[in-house]
Amino acid sequence: MTRAEQLSVVAPLLLVAAVHAIGRLGWVAIIRTSGAVLAPGLDSLGWALPLLALAGLPFAVSDRYDPRAGAGPWITAEGRRHAIADLRRLPDEVRSRVEIVQQFGSAAVIKKPGAGTCL
């Protein structure tokens, strides 16, 4: 293999490696650091993060998921015939009106009485 052929093979690899390394040379500075971690505080985080957390708190508190609410849509006549349910949270009134197709610990595939097979 001649020098020109070797260069034609190696040059694209070197070009890709150089493009990949651009912008990542700052990572080399990590090697010289002590590895110390700053304790979270207003001096290191600033005021933006705590303010955003406080702004999102009402939404996080008000947007609660009720696992029993998922059973309602398929119980109606026009709803789904099969569902996956957590038997620990399934209300007794629902449990008495369904058939358990297959149980996996506390989870189960349940269906309306008379519904066909799951597809």
Protein backbone atom coordinates (compact mmCIF):
# COMPACT_ATOMS: atom_id res chain seq x y z
CA MET A 1 0.00 0.00 0.00
CA THR A 2 1.44 3.35 -1.01
CA ARG A 3 1.61 6.42 1.21
CA ALA A 4 -1.21 8.08 -0.74
CA GLU A 5 -3.46 5.05 -0.21
CA GLN A 6 -2.62 4.93 3.50
CA LEU A 7 -3.36 8.65 3.79
CA SER A 8 -6.69 8.23 1.98
CA VAL A 9 -7.70 5.64 4.59
CA VAL A 10 -6.41 7.44 7.68
CA ALA A 11 -7.36 11.04 6.76
CA PRO A 12 -11.16 10.58 6.99
CA LEU A 13 -10.75 8.85 10.37
CA LEU A 14 -8.61 11.70 11.68
CA LEU A 15 -11.13 14.25 10.36
CA VAL A 16 -14.03 12.50 12.13
CA ALA A 17 -11.99 12.24 15.35
CA ALA A 18 -11.11 15.96 15.18
CA VAL A 19 -14.73 17.00 14.60
CA HIS A 20 -15.83 14.77 17.49
CA ALA A 21 -13.21 16.28 19.81
CA ILE A 22 -14.17 19.91 19.09
CA GLY A 23 -16.04 21.27 22.08
CA ARG A 24 -15.03 18.38 24.28
CA LEU A 25 -11.56 19.58 25.17
CA GLY A 26 -13.00 21.17 28.30
CA TRP A 27 -13.51 17.65 29.61
CA VAL A 28 -9.74 17.35 29.95
CA ALA A 29 -9.94 19.87 32.80
CA ILE A 30 -11.92 17.34 34.82
CA ILE A 31 -8.78 15.27 35.16
CA ARG A 32 -7.06 18.09 37.09
CA THR A 33 -9.90 18.66 39.54
CA SER A 34 -10.09 17.24 43.03
CA GLY A 35 -13.46 15.60 42.53
CA ALA A 36 -15.02 17.67 45.31
CA VAL A 37 -18.77 18.25 45.02
CA LEU A 38 -20.46 21.48 46.01
CA ALA A 39 -23.18 21.24 48.60
CA PRO A 40 -26.48 22.50 47.16
CA GLY A 41 -27.26 25.97 48.32
CA LEU A 42 -28.32 29.38 47.07
CA ASP A 43 -24.69 30.37 46.55
CA SER A 44 -24.03 27.46 44.18
CA LEU A 45 -27.46 27.00 42.58
CA GLY A 46 -28.66 30.57 42.53
CA TRP A 47 -32.24 31.66 43.03
CA ALA A 48 -33.64 30.26 39.76
CA LEU A 49 -33.90 26.60 40.83
CA PRO A 50 -35.66 27.17 44.17
CA LEU A 51 -38.04 29.68 42.55
CA LEU A 52 -38.93 27.22 39.77
CA ALA A 53 -39.44 24.48 42.34
CA LEU A 54 -41.80 26.68 44.34
CA ALA A 55 -43.68 27.67 41.16
CA GLY A 56 -44.21 24.00 40.26
CA LEU A 57 -45.22 22.87 43.73
CA PRO A 58 -48.96 23.73 43.43
CA PHE A 59 -49.15 21.78 40.16
CA ALA A 60 -47.38 18.77 41.65
CA VAL A 61 -49.70 18.72 44.66
CA SER A 62 -52.94 19.22 42.70
CA ASP A 63 -52.17 16.81 39.86
CA ARG A 64 -52.61 13.53 41.72
CA TYR A 65 -53.38 10.27 39.95
CA ASP A 66 -56.10 8.06 41.39
CA PRO A 67 -55.42 4.46 40.32
CA ARG A 68 -59.06 3.54 40.83
CA ALA A 69 -60.10 6.11 38.24
CA GLY A 70 -58.66 3.89 35.49
CA ALA A 71 -61.25 1.18 36.13
CA GLY A 72 -64.19 3.41 35.23
CA PRO A 73 -63.84 3.79 31.44
CA TRP A 74 -63.97 0.11 30.59
CA ILE A 75 -66.74 -0.87 33.00
CA THR A 76 -69.37 0.99 30.97
CA ALA A 77 -71.26 -0.85 28.24
CA GLU A 78 -69.35 0.88 25.45
CA GLY A 79 -65.97 0.64 27.22
CA ARG A 80 -63.14 -1.85 26.93
CA ARG A 81 -63.71 -5.50 27.73
CA HIS A 82 -60.30 -6.27 29.29
CA ALA A 83 -57.94 -4.41 31.62
CA ILE A 84 -54.84 -4.87 33.73
CA ALA A 85 -55.60 -4.19 37.38
CA ASP A 86 -53.76 -4.01 40.66
CA LEU A 87 -55.88 -6.35 42.80
CA ARG A 88 -54.72 -4.62 45.99
CA ARG A 89 -56.38 -1.38 44.85
CA LEU A 90 -59.36 -2.76 42.97
CA PRO A 91 -62.58 -1.79 44.77
CA ASP A 92 -64.72 -4.69 46.01
CA GLU A 93 -67.69 -3.56 43.93
CA VAL A 94 -65.58 -3.84 40.77
CA ARG A 95 -63.90 -7.10 41.81
CA SER A 96 -67.30 -8.75 42.28
CA ARG A 97 -68.34 -7.79 38.72
CA VAL A 98 -65.27 -9.02 36.79
CA GLU A 99 -63.56 -12.30 35.93
CA ILE A 100 -59.82 -12.77 36.48
CA VAL A 101 -58.28 -14.11 33.26
CA GLN A 102 -54.69 -14.46 34.54
CA GLN A 103 -53.10 -13.35 37.78
CA PHE A 104 -49.47 -12.27 38.22
CA GLY A 105 -48.90 -11.66 41.92
CA SER A 106 -51.05 -8.66 42.83
CA ALA A 107 -51.59 -7.72 39.17
CA ALA A 108 -54.16 -9.42 36.98
CA VAL A 109 -55.77 -9.31 33.58
CA ILE A 110 -59.49 -8.91 34.24
CA LYS A 111 -62.48 -8.93 31.90
CA LYS A 112 -66.16 -8.23 31.88
CA PRO A 113 -68.29 -11.34 32.31
CA GLY A 114 -69.12 -12.79 28.90
CA ALA A 115 -66.36 -10.85 27.09
CA GLY A 116 -64.38 -12.76 24.47
CA THR A 117 -60.69 -13.47 24.59
CA CYS A 118 -58.00 -10.78 24.67
CA LEU A 119 -56.35 -10.09 21.35
